[in-house]
């Protein structure tokens, strides 16, 4: 281990121990404040100008065998970033990574974890600046871009490091094996145990959460000894490039080859992901995105372990409610946040066609749908707040999907465009809510990514549960929400969650929402249904990124 790496480990050891305690207790804990007020005022104020200074010029990184400059990012808020990035030669990069991996492997777990913790610390200090890059590539609103793109993403990275440290710390470096031999001298064997990385790790980043969905795979692989290729979405390169720059700086300061974390950007017209994914040297792949490509990776990249978070039909079942206004306000926020472009946003909302019971009396199915529409309208009535919460649609395809889905049911609340005071060309649209009968399964049982949801008329709550079970088993889900005032029905919802391996949020009507997932406490996805084959984050997500190779010999004392 280099002296610098040891110093980094020692500096952050207390935080690491707290992180390990947190993943064991599952209590609230974070070392990275989510309030901008906790960061230096100058850093917050200067963040927009720092972002602007990166635009309209090349972004330089340590790059192996660069072939060309690529980059055509356009902010969903309506302007081109004008940034270009070096595109390394994949063969030359992978060769360099193989060479660098030996020193990284032999440095040991403490060195690798120390470097990872220092990278995260520096990223946290840059949170205001990174949030600008996240906002203008993903379309997230400013507050969400800061929290999800900064401290919450860093939480997820630290969580992965904590699991990696926990996994590797369980393996002793040496052991002496003594077996009694009766009247004869005992048999004594000296054993050594080596933590050996799998190989090159490919992290395929997404456009909507370029840091939050990237950091778990990045830090899980890096901490366990694997060099990491970061392959950003062509529309959201900058946040990943900024992360790469910090990682390379820390690696170099610690005495390691900075190519151990490398950016390989591409374009929509000339994609590189398949080429990288099929390279025999790539042994780990982390992917967030569409079902089609996630399934392709699992089927074709057979030389690698693929951790894939894909699409699902996130579900809410309403049986009965106590405080209707609070419930509808909660759902209105969930449907509006980031224009439904979250992997946790509800899409299918099951309600009995006979209606539901509330503390204010019986409500018909139409009344429930109308109450939800009214809550969304009220929540988004102030345009400035609406633009902040909705953010902008990341892609033109998502914008087009709203129009394409209008004929899938009866419109309860139509989507409308909004004008942003600062960015008049921003793609901002309010939620589209449709009513459908349960028989129209084709409408609501396909993911309609974006601000699109369905209120589905079922025969009764038992029918709602049955439909939800069938759809989630077939298509998967990341979230399951449910509302009831009957404890026996609550037990049925709990059983449903277990059967379909989907996290349950029951009777949320306050300041916590089904969309939210807290690092160190919540397991994001389970890996138990078609929406994802892995969870962020658990031991399985990390432990399979290395193997243990032992050697043994007779002890000299034998």
Foldseek 3Di string as FASTA:
>chain_A
DFPLLLVLLVVCVVVLVVLLVLLVVLDDDFPFDLDPVVADPVLLVCQVVVLLVQFQEEDDDPAFQFDDWDAFAFFLLGGTRNYIYTAHDVVRLQVVLVVQLVCLQVVDLSSLLSLLSVLLVVQSNNLSNLLVLLCRQQLAFSSCSSRLVHRQLSLLLSNLSSLQCVLVVVDDQKDWDWADDVPDHTFIKIKGKGWFFPFAEEEEAERNRRRNQRNNSCNLLRSSRHQYEYEYDSNRCVSVSVSLRSSLVSQVVSPGHSSSYYYRYDYPVDDCVVVVLQPLRHAEYEEEEAPVVLVVSVVRSVNYDYWYFYAAAEEEEEAAAEDLLLVLLQLLLLLQAQQQQFSQRHAEYEAAQQAHAYNVGTDGLLRSLLSNQVSNCVCCVPPASSCNRNGAHNDPVLVVLLVVLPPLAAWSHHKDAGAHPVRRSNHGIGATEGEDEVVSCVNRLDDSGGSHHYYYHANHSVRVLVSVLVSCQVGNGQEYEYEDPDVVVVVVVVVSCVSSVYDYDYNDRDDDHSRDAGRSNGWGGPCRHSSTVATSPDSVNRNVRIDMDMDMDGDPVD
